[in-house]
Each structure stands twice: as structure tokens, then as C-alpha cells.
Amino acid sequence: MISVGCTKEMEYKTIDGFAQGTTFHIAYSPDIPDSLESFVNEILNRIDTSLSVYNDSSIISKLNRGESVEMDSLFINVFNRSKEIYEISNGAFDISGAPLFDAWGFGFKNKIHVTQRDIDSILTFVGMDKVKIENGVLVKRDKRLSLNANAIAQGYSSDVIAGEFDKLGIKNYLIEVGGEIYCKGVNSKGKNWTIGIDKPIDGNMIKGENLQDILSLTGKGLATSGNYRKFYEEGGEKYSHTIDPKTGYTVKHSLLSATVIADDAMTADALATFFMVVGLDKTKEFLGKNTGIDAYLVYADGEKFKVYKTKGVNIIK
């Protein structure tokens, strides 16, 4: 997923780099004379120090090890919103599912031969109903419970940077961290920002190289989740990186990618993961009841790709 709406008409400034094990790209109108590169990197470093499980000294890593540490507002905001979406999704979105990712080989440990007994054991300490913040302390029902905010932190990062840009008086910007976007105003052509949706085919590893569609967007957050880049095959069977935290198993259904548009990128990020867990029918059911959320869904119908989209998704023809 890429922005394809930035040209030289208004000489927008850009910032590119690496953060949270992925890349980020920012384009913005030059409403202030100063360079914002160090400012953005400082924000991303603060988020990394709070929420990155790849950083051994981060707040989340220390809490996972059971250490006593003061939680900052970044961690608390993500934790609270994660718990809300855990409840909204009936447990399908769950940042405490990290041990399941490890078991299936998508986390920090080598894949084990997964048995039902293994899954049953892990599920005894998975669930956001087993952890809470009480009097400024993270309280776990089981000390083995661990958190991984990767399915929501990149969207939140885009939101945090957007909030800081608003304070600086920057009127037009697109902020993308790991493919999760928040944009506002117009692009350098004076039009809404344009976002490319990657075609969810195996081998489509380069973002923006093979597009399914191009969307027009402003004043919203957008995130995409899919199974076509992260998977492995074993014994002739394909295992996706999307794991249902309620069953403990990788999902198998027709939904290939879910692009979600919401008022903020953090919500879009989490809901995209939720949709990929529950599949097409339950996602359509959720969208029918929550008209403030828009989505562009690509699913398999036999050998063909088909698209389901809500009315608020604006396609550029």
C-alpha cells in the first residue's frame, strides 16, 4: 500500500526512514520552515521505547518479563484501545496472543510441532480479560501472559505523528508507518490523497508494484491486513500468519485482504486484523452494524478475486 498522490506541483516535503521493524513515509505541505525529520524520529523513538517488543528495554518488553515499570501514556492508550476492540470483536482481536504466534513460527521462537495439547495449554494464559491496569500497575491473572502490540502500534504511530503535526499548524499531510496511514488536507496537486491497495497475490512482496485499486482519502485513518505476504507451507499445506486467538489455530477462509477506513489509524489497524481473523461473512455483518467504518475487502471466489466495499470507499477510476 503506497501513496501515489505526491508530485512537485507544490514542492511538498518528505521524510522516509525505518522504525518498528518496517519503513515509514511522510509527505507534508511546507507550512513551517523547519525540517521535521529529527522531530519525527524522536516521536517514533518514544513509541519504540514504549511499545516495541523488538526493543528489550521497552516498557512492553519489561512488563512481559514481569518487571515493575512505570507505564507511559503511549502504552496506556494502546492497551485501553486494544481492550476495547478485544471486547468489540468478541476476542478476535487480542494483543495477548503473542505465545500463539511463537508456537506457529511467526513470533520470536522457532516453530514447534503444534498439537491440540500445546494450544490448550497456551490458551489458558491468552486473553485480554486476564490482564488489566489497576492503580497504575499492570495486573496479570497469569504471569506467563505477554503482550504484542504490533497489530495496532503502527496505526497508532501514524495518529501520534498526525496529532503533533496538527499542533505545529501543518495543514496537509500523509503519514504512513508500516503501511498504516493517517492523512489530512490535500496532496501536492490540491486533491485528496491517493492510496494504492496491493493485489493480494502470493509473491507480491513489493508494495505498490501490483495494485488492485487506488482509493481517494482525506481526514481519515487507513490500514490493510492480509495473508499473502506472511505465510509458510508445510506438508503441502499453507499456514497464514493470521491466528484466531480464540481457537489458537491459523485461519482458513476466503478473505485475502482487508483495508479499513476509520476516524483514526489505530482503530483501522486493529479492525483490519479483526476482519482477517473472522473472515468475509462476519466482517460484512460487522460493517452492516457499524456504518462509521468503511472497508475494501478482497476475497477469493474459486480461482477469481472479488471485491466487497462499503459506500464510503472512494475508488479513483
C-alpha atoms as a PDB file:
ATOM      1  CA  MET A   1       0.000   0.000   0.000  1.00  0.00           C
ATOM      2  CA  ILE A   2       1.502   3.327  -1.080  1.00  0.00           C
ATOM      3  CA  SER A   3       0.691   6.940  -1.625  1.00  0.00           C
ATOM      4  CA  VAL A   4       0.764   7.867  -5.261  1.00  0.00           C
ATOM      5  CA  GLY A   5      -0.517  11.411  -4.882  1.00  0.00           C
ATOM      6  CA  CYS A   6       2.604  13.442  -4.195  1.00  0.00           C
ATOM      7  CA  THR A   7       4.224  15.321  -7.077  1.00  0.00           C
ATOM      8  CA  LYS A   8       6.270  18.523  -7.340  1.00  0.00           C
ATOM      9  CA  GLU A   9       3.430  20.965  -8.014  1.00  0.00           C
ATOM     10  CA  MET A  10       3.619  22.441  -4.507  1.00  0.00           C
ATOM     11  CA  GLU A  11       7.033  21.048  -3.517  1.00  0.00           C
ATOM     12  CA  TYR A  12       5.754  19.077  -0.534  1.00  0.00           C
ATOM     13  CA  LYS A  13       8.436  17.928   1.880  1.00  0.00           C
ATOM     14  CA  THR A  14       9.007  14.219   2.510  1.00  0.00           C
ATOM     15  CA  ILE A  15      10.583  12.142   5.262  1.00  0.00           C
ATOM     16  CA  ASP A  16      11.434   8.457   4.852  1.00  0.00           C
ATOM     17  CA  GLY A  17      13.055   6.017   7.219  1.00  0.00           C
ATOM     18  CA  PHE A  18      12.904   2.827   9.246  1.00  0.00           C
ATOM     19  CA  ALA A  19      11.042   2.227  12.511  1.00  0.00           C
ATOM     20  CA  GLN A  20       9.393  -0.676  14.365  1.00  0.00           C
ATOM     21  CA  GLY A  21      10.978  -3.220  12.039  1.00  0.00           C
ATOM     22  CA  THR A  22       9.412  -1.589   8.980  1.00  0.00           C
ATOM     23  CA  THR A  23       9.537   1.578   6.901  1.00  0.00           C
ATOM     24  CA  PHE A  24       7.740   4.896   7.183  1.00  0.00           C
ATOM     25  CA  HIS A  25       6.956   7.629   4.669  1.00  0.00           C
ATOM     26  CA  ILE A  26       5.639  11.124   5.348  1.00  0.00           C
ATOM     27  CA  ALA A  27       4.670  13.877   2.902  1.00  0.00           C
ATOM     28  CA  TYR A  28       3.503  17.303   4.076  1.00  0.00           C
ATOM     29  CA  SER A  29       2.937  20.865   2.955  1.00  0.00           C
ATOM     30  CA  PRO A  30       5.738  23.293   3.943  1.00  0.00           C
ATOM     31  CA  ASP A  31       3.656  25.345   6.393  1.00  0.00           C
ATOM     32  CA  ILE A  32       6.652  25.786   8.675  1.00  0.00           C
ATOM     33  CA  PRO A  33      10.236  26.421   7.531  1.00  0.00           C
ATOM     34  CA  ASP A  34      11.971  23.944   9.817  1.00  0.00           C
ATOM     35  CA  SER A  35      12.860  20.382   8.878  1.00  0.00           C
ATOM     36  CA  LEU A  36      10.766  17.876  10.835  1.00  0.00           C
ATOM     37  CA  GLU A  37      12.946  14.811  10.307  1.00  0.00           C
ATOM     38  CA  SER A  38      14.559  14.795  13.765  1.00  0.00           C
ATOM     39  CA  PHE A  39      11.190  15.700  15.314  1.00  0.00           C
ATOM     40  CA  VAL A  40       9.518  12.684  13.659  1.00  0.00           C
ATOM     41  CA  ASN A  41      12.379  10.348  14.566  1.00  0.00           C
ATOM     42  CA  GLU A  42      12.132  11.457  18.195  1.00  0.00           C
ATOM     43  CA  ILE A  43       8.403  10.642  18.253  1.00  0.00           C
ATOM     44  CA  LEU A  44       8.979   7.218  16.703  1.00  0.00           C
ATOM     45  CA  ASN A  45      11.789   6.521  19.154  1.00  0.00           C
ATOM     46  CA  ARG A  46       9.467   7.314  22.086  1.00  0.00           C
ATOM     47  CA  ILE A  47       6.857   4.944  20.685  1.00  0.00           C
ATOM     48  CA  ASP A  48       9.512   2.269  20.162  1.00  0.00           C
ATOM     49  CA  THR A  49      10.713   2.692  23.748  1.00  0.00           C
ATOM     50  CA  SER A  50       7.148   2.205  24.940  1.00  0.00           C
ATOM     51  CA  LEU A  51       5.532  -0.360  22.634  1.00  0.00           C
ATOM     52  CA  SER A  52       8.101  -2.313  20.635  1.00  0.00           C
ATOM     53  CA  VAL A  53       8.553  -5.971  21.544  1.00  0.00           C
ATOM     54  CA  TYR A  54      11.704  -5.858  19.386  1.00  0.00           C
ATOM     55  CA  ASN A  55      13.234  -3.499  21.962  1.00  0.00           C
ATOM     56  CA  ASP A  56      14.296  -5.446  25.071  1.00  0.00           C
ATOM     57  CA  SER A  57      14.298  -2.280  27.184  1.00  0.00           C
ATOM     58  CA  SER A  58      10.847  -1.047  26.106  1.00  0.00           C
ATOM     59  CA  ILE A  59       8.001  -0.738  28.576  1.00  0.00           C
ATOM     60  CA  ILE A  60       6.042  -3.572  26.964  1.00  0.00           C
ATOM     61  CA  SER A  61       9.073  -5.900  26.985  1.00  0.00           C
ATOM     62  CA  LYS A  62       9.727  -5.214  30.653  1.00  0.00           C
ATOM     63  CA  LEU A  63       6.077  -5.792  31.524  1.00  0.00           C
ATOM     64  CA  ASN A  64       6.148  -9.072  29.589  1.00  0.00           C
ATOM     65  CA  ARG A  65       9.066 -10.172  31.773  1.00  0.00           C
ATOM     66  CA  GLY A  66       7.128  -9.237  34.899  1.00  0.00           C
ATOM     67  CA  GLU A  67       9.337  -6.298  35.784  1.00  0.00           C
ATOM     68  CA  SER A  68       7.996  -3.319  37.696  1.00  0.00           C
ATOM     69  CA  VAL A  69       7.971  -0.311  35.380  1.00  0.00           C
ATOM     70  CA  GLU A  70       6.001   2.917  35.110  1.00  0.00           C
ATOM     71  CA  MET A  71       3.664   2.904  32.119  1.00  0.00           C
ATOM     72  CA  ASP A  72       3.566   5.990  29.900  1.00  0.00           C
ATOM     73  CA  SER A  73       0.530   7.472  28.138  1.00  0.00           C
ATOM     74  CA  LEU A  74       1.510   5.777  24.850  1.00  0.00           C
ATOM     75  CA  PHE A  75       1.339   2.303  26.356  1.00  0.00           C
ATOM     76  CA  ILE A  76      -1.830   3.075  28.325  1.00  0.00           C
ATOM     77  CA  ASN A  77      -3.631   4.472  25.258  1.00  0.00           C
ATOM     78  CA  VAL A  78      -2.807   1.410  23.165  1.00  0.00           C
ATOM     79  CA  PHE A  79      -3.626  -1.013  25.978  1.00  0.00           C
ATOM     80  CA  ASN A  80      -7.014   0.589  26.643  1.00  0.00           C
ATOM     81  CA  ARG A  81      -7.996   0.742  22.966  1.00  0.00           C
ATOM     82  CA  SER A  82      -6.810  -2.849  22.465  1.00  0.00           C
ATOM     83  CA  LYS A  83      -9.017  -3.956  25.319  1.00  0.00           C
ATOM     84  CA  GLU A  84     -11.996  -2.104  23.842  1.00  0.00           C
ATOM     85  CA  ILE A  85     -11.534  -3.740  20.439  1.00  0.00           C
ATOM     86  CA  TYR A  86     -10.995  -7.111  22.121  1.00  0.00           C
ATOM     87  CA  GLU A  87     -14.489  -6.709  23.560  1.00  0.00           C
ATOM     88  CA  ILE A  88     -15.994  -5.306  20.342  1.00  0.00           C
ATOM     89  CA  SER A  89     -14.547  -8.239  18.371  1.00  0.00           C
ATOM     90  CA  ASN A  90     -15.598 -10.831  20.949  1.00  0.00           C
ATOM     91  CA  GLY A  91     -11.961 -11.769  21.465  1.00  0.00           C
ATOM     92  CA  ALA A  92     -10.958 -11.994  17.784  1.00  0.00           C
ATOM     93  CA  PHE A  93      -8.529  -9.088  18.219  1.00  0.00           C
ATOM     94  CA  ASP A  94      -6.213  -9.892  21.112  1.00  0.00           C
ATOM     95  CA  ILE A  95      -2.760  -8.419  21.743  1.00  0.00           C
ATOM     96  CA  SER A  96      -2.131 -11.095  24.385  1.00  0.00           C
ATOM     97  CA  GLY A  97      -1.988 -13.761  21.678  1.00  0.00           C
ATOM     98  CA  ALA A  98       1.809 -13.467  21.245  1.00  0.00           C
ATOM     99  CA  PRO A  99       2.563 -17.021  22.556  1.00  0.00           C
ATOM    100  CA  LEU A 100       0.366 -18.441  19.788  1.00  0.00           C
ATOM    101  CA  PHE A 101       2.429 -16.614  17.164  1.00  0.00           C
ATOM    102  CA  ASP A 102       5.566 -18.097  18.707  1.00  0.00           C
ATOM    103  CA  ALA A 103       4.104 -21.611  18.595  1.00  0.00           C
ATOM    104  CA  TRP A 104       3.223 -21.306  14.911  1.00  0.00           C
ATOM    105  CA  GLY A 105       6.601 -19.814  13.980  1.00  0.00           C
ATOM    106  CA  PHE A 106       5.511 -16.220  13.351  1.00  0.00           C
ATOM    107  CA  GLY A 107       6.951 -14.767  16.554  1.00  0.00           C
ATOM    108  CA  PHE A 108      10.362 -14.790  18.199  1.00  0.00           C
ATOM    109  CA  LYS A 109      10.763 -18.540  18.624  1.00  0.00           C
ATOM    110  CA  ASN A 110      11.261 -21.419  16.225  1.00  0.00           C
ATOM    111  CA  LYS A 111       8.084 -23.200  15.214  1.00  0.00           C
ATOM    112  CA  ILE A 112       7.148 -26.210  17.292  1.00  0.00           C
ATOM    113  CA  HIS A 113       5.152 -29.220  16.167  1.00  0.00           C
ATOM    114  CA  VAL A 114       1.795 -27.839  17.260  1.00  0.00           C
ATOM    115  CA  THR A 115      -0.589 -30.245  18.935  1.00  0.00           C
ATOM    116  CA  GLN A 116      -4.017 -29.663  20.432  1.00  0.00           C
ATOM    117  CA  ARG A 117      -2.440 -30.130  23.850  1.00  0.00           C
ATOM    118  CA  ASP A 118       0.025 -27.304  23.133  1.00  0.00           C
ATOM    119  CA  ILE A 119      -2.772 -24.998  22.012  1.00  0.00           C
ATOM    120  CA  ASP A 120      -4.950 -25.830  25.017  1.00  0.00           C
ATOM    121  CA  SER A 121      -2.043 -25.077  27.351  1.00  0.00           C
ATOM    122  CA  ILE A 122      -1.259 -21.716  25.735  1.00  0.00           C
ATOM    123  CA  LEU A 123      -4.900 -20.640  25.672  1.00  0.00           C
ATOM    124  CA  THR A 124      -5.044 -20.828  29.469  1.00  0.00           C
ATOM    125  CA  PHE A 125      -2.966 -17.633  29.637  1.00  0.00           C
ATOM    126  CA  VAL A 126      -4.178 -15.824  26.487  1.00  0.00           C
ATOM    127  CA  GLY A 127      -6.948 -13.237  26.657  1.00  0.00           C
ATOM    128  CA  MET A 128      -7.290  -9.539  27.436  1.00  0.00           C
ATOM    129  CA  ASP A 129      -9.840 -10.496  30.073  1.00  0.00           C
ATOM    130  CA  LYS A 130      -6.869 -11.857  32.051  1.00  0.00           C
ATOM    131  CA  VAL A 131      -4.986  -8.543  32.314  1.00  0.00           C
ATOM    132  CA  LYS A 132      -5.850  -5.019  33.458  1.00  0.00           C
ATOM    133  CA  ILE A 133      -4.365  -1.753  34.616  1.00  0.00           C
ATOM    134  CA  GLU A 134      -5.188  -1.146  38.259  1.00  0.00           C
ATOM    135  CA  ASN A 135      -3.859   1.810  40.283  1.00  0.00           C
ATOM    136  CA  GLY A 136      -1.151   2.422  37.685  1.00  0.00           C
ATOM    137  CA  VAL A 137       0.017  -1.207  37.720  1.00  0.00           C
ATOM    138  CA  LEU A 138      -0.386  -3.881  35.039  1.00  0.00           C
ATOM    139  CA  VAL A 139      -2.054  -6.822  36.761  1.00  0.00           C
ATOM    140  CA  LYS A 140      -1.892 -10.249  35.068  1.00  0.00           C
ATOM    141  CA  ARG A 141      -4.009 -13.204  36.112  1.00  0.00           C
ATOM    142  CA  ASP A 142      -1.172 -15.453  34.892  1.00  0.00           C
ATOM    143  CA  LYS A 143       2.459 -14.322  34.893  1.00  0.00           C
ATOM    144  CA  ARG A 144       3.053 -16.135  31.567  1.00  0.00           C
ATOM    145  CA  LEU A 145       0.693 -13.721  29.784  1.00  0.00           C
ATOM    146  CA  SER A 146       2.553 -11.451  27.369  1.00  0.00           C
ATOM    147  CA  LEU A 147       1.513  -8.622  25.074  1.00  0.00           C
ATOM    148  CA  ASN A 148       2.436  -7.797  21.490  1.00  0.00           C
ATOM    149  CA  ALA A 149       1.030  -4.521  20.092  1.00  0.00           C
ATOM    150  CA  ASN A 150       2.273  -4.961  16.514  1.00  0.00           C
ATOM    151  CA  ALA A 151      -1.281  -5.230  15.162  1.00  0.00           C
ATOM    152  CA  ILE A 152      -2.162  -1.757  16.438  1.00  0.00           C
ATOM    153  CA  ALA A 153       1.051   0.176  17.204  1.00  0.00           C
ATOM    154  CA  GLN A 154       1.882   1.214  13.646  1.00  0.00           C
ATOM    155  CA  GLY A 155      -1.540   2.728  13.119  1.00  0.00           C
ATOM    156  CA  TYR A 156      -1.219   4.455  16.484  1.00  0.00           C
ATOM    157  CA  SER A 157       2.192   5.794  15.449  1.00  0.00           C
ATOM    158  CA  SER A 158       0.620   7.480  12.431  1.00  0.00           C
ATOM    159  CA  ASP A 159      -2.033   9.016  14.683  1.00  0.00           C
ATOM    160  CA  VAL A 160       0.520  10.330  17.185  1.00  0.00           C
ATOM    161  CA  ILE A 161       2.610  11.993  14.468  1.00  0.00           C
ATOM    162  CA  ALA A 162      -0.563  13.436  12.914  1.00  0.00           C
ATOM    163  CA  GLY A 163      -1.534  14.953  16.255  1.00  0.00           C
ATOM    164  CA  GLU A 164       1.860  16.594  16.579  1.00  0.00           C
ATOM    165  CA  PHE A 165       1.649  17.931  13.010  1.00  0.00           C
ATOM    166  CA  ASP A 166      -1.734  19.450  13.854  1.00  0.00           C
ATOM    167  CA  LYS A 167      -0.182  21.252  16.825  1.00  0.00           C
ATOM    168  CA  LEU A 168       2.504  22.667  14.522  1.00  0.00           C
ATOM    169  CA  GLY A 169      -0.127  24.011  12.135  1.00  0.00           C
ATOM    170  CA  ILE A 170       0.655  21.728   9.205  1.00  0.00           C
ATOM    171  CA  LYS A 171      -2.488  21.730   7.072  1.00  0.00           C
ATOM    172  CA  ASN A 172      -1.819  18.924   4.615  1.00  0.00           C
ATOM    173  CA  TYR A 173      -0.024  15.661   5.269  1.00  0.00           C
ATOM    174  CA  LEU A 174       0.074  11.929   4.718  1.00  0.00           C
ATOM    175  CA  ILE A 175       1.734   9.806   7.380  1.00  0.00           C
ATOM    176  CA  GLU A 176       2.387   6.125   6.681  1.00  0.00           C
ATOM    177  CA  VAL A 177       4.077   3.781   9.140  1.00  0.00           C
ATOM    178  CA  GLY A 178       4.365   0.159   8.034  1.00  0.00           C
ATOM    179  CA  GLY A 179       1.532   0.664   5.541  1.00  0.00           C
ATOM    180  CA  GLU A 180      -0.859   2.158   8.114  1.00  0.00           C
ATOM    181  CA  ILE A 181      -1.919   5.680   7.185  1.00  0.00           C
ATOM    182  CA  TYR A 182      -3.427   8.858   8.511  1.00  0.00           C
ATOM    183  CA  CYS A 183      -3.865  11.727   6.082  1.00  0.00           C
ATOM    184  CA  LYS A 184      -5.360  15.199   6.165  1.00  0.00           C
ATOM    185  CA  GLY A 185      -5.969  18.001   3.699  1.00  0.00           C
ATOM    186  CA  VAL A 186      -4.807  17.605   0.118  1.00  0.00           C
ATOM    187  CA  ASN A 187      -1.805  16.349  -1.779  1.00  0.00           C
ATOM    188  CA  SER A 188       0.603  18.477  -3.815  1.00  0.00           C
ATOM    189  CA  LYS A 189      -1.888  18.567  -6.717  1.00  0.00           C
ATOM    190  CA  GLY A 190      -4.528  20.081  -4.466  1.00  0.00           C
ATOM    191  CA  LYS A 191      -6.609  16.896  -4.478  1.00  0.00           C
ATOM    192  CA  ASN A 192      -7.396  14.216  -1.919  1.00  0.00           C
ATOM    193  CA  TRP A 193      -4.555  11.844  -1.140  1.00  0.00           C
ATOM    194  CA  THR A 194      -4.449   8.690  -3.252  1.00  0.00           C
ATOM    195  CA  ILE A 195      -3.707   5.319  -1.696  1.00  0.00           C
ATOM    196  CA  GLY A 196      -2.831   2.217  -3.676  1.00  0.00           C
ATOM    197  CA  ILE A 197      -4.227  -1.117  -2.494  1.00  0.00           C
ATOM    198  CA  ASP A 198      -1.880  -4.000  -3.281  1.00  0.00           C
ATOM    199  CA  LYS A 199      -3.261  -7.006  -5.122  1.00  0.00           C
ATOM    200  CA  PRO A 200      -3.254  -9.877  -2.580  1.00  0.00           C
ATOM    201  CA  ILE A 201      -1.368 -12.440  -4.614  1.00  0.00           C
ATOM    202  CA  ASP A 202       1.438 -14.701  -3.427  1.00  0.00           C
ATOM    203  CA  GLY A 203       4.769 -13.215  -4.411  1.00  0.00           C
ATOM    204  CA  ASN A 204       3.528  -9.612  -4.449  1.00  0.00           C
ATOM    205  CA  MET A 205       6.197  -8.582  -1.956  1.00  0.00           C
ATOM    206  CA  ILE A 206       6.941  -5.046  -3.171  1.00  0.00           C
ATOM    207  CA  LYS A 207       4.381  -2.524  -2.007  1.00  0.00           C
ATOM    208  CA  GLY A 208       2.824  -0.604  -4.872  1.00  0.00           C
ATOM    209  CA  GLU A 209       4.169  -2.801  -7.651  1.00  0.00           C
ATOM    210  CA  ASN A 210       0.938  -4.650  -8.422  1.00  0.00           C
ATOM    211  CA  LEU A 211      -2.175  -2.705  -7.434  1.00  0.00           C
ATOM    212  CA  GLN A 212      -5.742  -3.911  -7.021  1.00  0.00           C
ATOM    213  CA  ASP A 213      -7.239  -0.410  -6.896  1.00  0.00           C
ATOM    214  CA  ILE A 214      -6.490   3.201  -5.958  1.00  0.00           C
ATOM    215  CA  LEU A 215      -8.521   4.994  -3.290  1.00  0.00           C
ATOM    216  CA  SER A 216      -9.089   8.698  -2.615  1.00  0.00           C
ATOM    217  CA  LEU A 217      -8.824   9.675   1.045  1.00  0.00           C
ATOM    218  CA  THR A 218      -8.556  12.628   3.412  1.00  0.00           C
ATOM    219  CA  GLY A 219      -9.163  13.239   7.104  1.00  0.00           C
ATOM    220  CA  LYS A 220      -9.172   9.515   7.906  1.00  0.00           C
ATOM    221  CA  GLY A 221      -7.020   6.612   9.008  1.00  0.00           C
ATOM    222  CA  LEU A 222      -6.491   3.595   6.763  1.00  0.00           C
ATOM    223  CA  ALA A 223      -4.896   0.196   7.358  1.00  0.00           C
ATOM    224  CA  THR A 224      -4.601  -3.047   5.431  1.00  0.00           C
ATOM    225  CA  SER A 225      -4.103  -6.581   6.714  1.00  0.00           C
ATOM    226  CA  GLY A 226      -3.632  -9.672   4.567  1.00  0.00           C
ATOM    227  CA  ASN A 227      -2.221 -13.192   4.453  1.00  0.00           C
ATOM    228  CA  TYR A 228      -0.474 -13.079   1.098  1.00  0.00           C
ATOM    229  CA  ARG A 229       2.961 -11.904   2.325  1.00  0.00           C
ATOM    230  CA  LYS A 230       3.394 -13.719   5.636  1.00  0.00           C
ATOM    231  CA  PHE A 231       2.830 -17.460   5.430  1.00  0.00           C
ATOM    232  CA  TYR A 232       4.689 -20.735   5.066  1.00  0.00           C
ATOM    233  CA  GLU A 233       3.945 -24.091   3.528  1.00  0.00           C
ATOM    234  CA  GLU A 234       4.494 -27.408   5.248  1.00  0.00           C
ATOM    235  CA  GLY A 235       3.414 -30.865   4.181  1.00  0.00           C
ATOM    236  CA  GLY A 236       1.649 -29.372   1.182  1.00  0.00           C
ATOM    237  CA  GLU A 237      -0.483 -27.128   3.397  1.00  0.00           C
ATOM    238  CA  LYS A 238      -0.350 -23.333   3.600  1.00  0.00           C
ATOM    239  CA  TYR A 239      -0.302 -21.672   7.028  1.00  0.00           C
ATOM    240  CA  SER A 240      -1.171 -17.966   7.194  1.00  0.00           C
ATOM    241  CA  HIS A 241       0.211 -15.600   9.840  1.00  0.00           C
ATOM    242  CA  THR A 242      -3.335 -14.697  10.939  1.00  0.00           C
ATOM    243  CA  ILE A 243      -4.175 -16.694  14.037  1.00  0.00           C
ATOM    244  CA  ASP A 244      -7.558 -16.873  15.710  1.00  0.00           C
ATOM    245  CA  PRO A 245      -6.754 -16.150  19.378  1.00  0.00           C
ATOM    246  CA  LYS A 246      -9.924 -17.931  20.459  1.00  0.00           C
ATOM    247  CA  THR A 247      -9.109 -21.276  18.821  1.00  0.00           C
ATOM    248  CA  GLY A 248      -5.314 -20.926  18.711  1.00  0.00           C
ATOM    249  CA  TYR A 249      -5.159 -22.039  15.070  1.00  0.00           C
ATOM    250  CA  THR A 250      -4.256 -20.247  11.845  1.00  0.00           C
ATOM    251  CA  VAL A 251      -7.319 -19.104   9.925  1.00  0.00           C
ATOM    252  CA  LYS A 252      -8.567 -20.674   6.695  1.00  0.00           C
ATOM    253  CA  HIS A 253     -11.178 -18.702   4.792  1.00  0.00           C
ATOM    254  CA  SER A 254     -11.715 -16.782   1.544  1.00  0.00           C
ATOM    255  CA  LEU A 255     -10.795 -13.286   2.762  1.00  0.00           C
ATOM    256  CA  LEU A 256      -7.379 -12.366   1.335  1.00  0.00           C
ATOM    257  CA  SER A 257      -7.002  -8.761   2.439  1.00  0.00           C
ATOM    258  CA  ALA A 258      -8.952  -6.206   4.435  1.00  0.00           C
ATOM    259  CA  THR A 259      -8.437  -2.473   4.032  1.00  0.00           C
ATOM    260  CA  VAL A 260     -10.227  -0.474   6.706  1.00  0.00           C
ATOM    261  CA  ILE A 261     -11.011   3.251   6.846  1.00  0.00           C
ATOM    262  CA  ALA A 262     -11.808   4.770  10.228  1.00  0.00           C
ATOM    263  CA  ASP A 263     -11.561   8.097  12.035  1.00  0.00           C
ATOM    264  CA  ASP A 264      -8.093   7.136  13.273  1.00  0.00           C
ATOM    265  CA  ALA A 265      -5.404   4.785  12.022  1.00  0.00           C
ATOM    266  CA  MET A 266      -5.135   2.896  15.320  1.00  0.00           C
ATOM    267  CA  THR A 267      -8.745   1.742  15.053  1.00  0.00           C
ATOM    268  CA  ALA A 268      -8.348   0.936  11.348  1.00  0.00           C
ATOM    269  CA  ASP A 269      -5.224  -1.104  12.115  1.00  0.00           C
ATOM    270  CA  ALA A 270      -6.877  -3.194  14.815  1.00  0.00           C
ATOM    271  CA  LEU A 271     -10.089  -3.729  12.864  1.00  0.00           C
ATOM    272  CA  ALA A 272      -8.178  -4.897   9.787  1.00  0.00           C
ATOM    273  CA  THR A 273      -6.621  -7.642  11.915  1.00  0.00           C
ATOM    274  CA  PHE A 274     -10.005  -8.479  13.449  1.00  0.00           C
ATOM    275  CA  PHE A 275     -11.570  -8.813   9.983  1.00  0.00           C
ATOM    276  CA  MET A 276      -8.811 -11.113   8.774  1.00  0.00           C
ATOM    277  CA  VAL A 277      -9.437 -13.367  11.760  1.00  0.00           C
ATOM    278  CA  VAL A 278     -13.211 -13.694  11.375  1.00  0.00           C
ATOM    279  CA  GLY A 279     -13.442 -13.767   7.553  1.00  0.00           C
ATOM    280  CA  LEU A 280     -15.766 -12.263   4.963  1.00  0.00           C
ATOM    281  CA  ASP A 281     -19.251 -13.038   6.244  1.00  0.00           C
ATOM    282  CA  LYS A 282     -18.704 -11.889   9.828  1.00  0.00           C
ATOM    283  CA  THR A 283     -16.861  -8.806   8.586  1.00  0.00           C
ATOM    284  CA  LYS A 284     -19.793  -7.845   6.357  1.00  0.00           C
ATOM    285  CA  GLU A 285     -22.115  -8.391   9.304  1.00  0.00           C
ATOM    286  CA  PHE A 286     -19.979  -6.081  11.480  1.00  0.00           C
ATOM    287  CA  LEU A 287     -19.840  -3.399   8.767  1.00  0.00           C
ATOM    288  CA  GLY A 288     -23.619  -3.504   8.418  1.00  0.00           C
ATOM    289  CA  LYS A 289     -23.967  -2.640  12.096  1.00  0.00           C
ATOM    290  CA  ASN A 290     -21.130  -0.087  12.271  1.00  0.00           C
ATOM    291  CA  THR A 291     -21.721   2.425   9.476  1.00  0.00           C
ATOM    292  CA  GLY A 292     -18.927   4.726  10.687  1.00  0.00           C
ATOM    293  CA  ILE A 293     -16.381   2.155   9.467  1.00  0.00           C
ATOM    294  CA  ASP A 294     -15.624   1.616   5.794  1.00  0.00           C
ATOM    295  CA  ALA A 295     -13.782  -1.300   4.240  1.00  0.00           C
ATOM    296  CA  TYR A 296     -12.429  -2.637   0.964  1.00  0.00           C
ATOM    297  CA  LEU A 297     -12.266  -6.433   1.078  1.00  0.00           C
ATOM    298  CA  VAL A 298     -10.603  -8.701  -1.459  1.00  0.00           C
ATOM    299  CA  TYR A 299     -11.669 -12.334  -1.314  1.00  0.00           C
ATOM    300  CA  ALA A 300     -11.252 -15.497  -3.320  1.00  0.00           C
ATOM    301  CA  ASP A 301     -14.159 -16.986  -5.227  1.00  0.00           C
ATOM    302  CA  GLY A 302     -12.698 -20.125  -6.720  1.00  0.00           C
ATOM    303  CA  GLU A 303      -9.763 -19.008  -8.842  1.00  0.00           C
ATOM    304  CA  LYS A 304     -11.040 -15.422  -9.114  1.00  0.00           C
ATOM    305  CA  PHE A 305     -10.538 -12.332  -6.943  1.00  0.00           C
ATOM    306  CA  LYS A 306     -13.667 -10.451  -5.957  1.00  0.00           C
ATOM    307  CA  VAL A 307     -14.120  -7.190  -4.066  1.00  0.00           C
ATOM    308  CA  TYR A 308     -16.651  -6.111  -1.484  1.00  0.00           C
ATOM    309  CA  LYS A 309     -16.597  -2.450  -0.479  1.00  0.00           C
ATOM    310  CA  THR A 310     -18.756  -0.162   1.590  1.00  0.00           C
ATOM    311  CA  LYS A 311     -20.286   3.054   0.229  1.00  0.00           C
ATOM    312  CA  GLY A 312     -17.709   5.322   1.866  1.00  0.00           C
ATOM    313  CA  VAL A 313     -14.797   3.859  -0.119  1.00  0.00           C
ATOM    314  CA  ASN A 314     -13.919   6.237  -2.971  1.00  0.00           C
ATOM    315  CA  ILE A 315     -12.262   4.495  -5.908  1.00  0.00           C
ATOM    316  CA  ILE A 316     -10.303   6.536  -8.446  1.00  0.00           C
ATOM    317  CA  LYS A 317     -11.305   5.325 -11.898  1.00  0.00           C
END
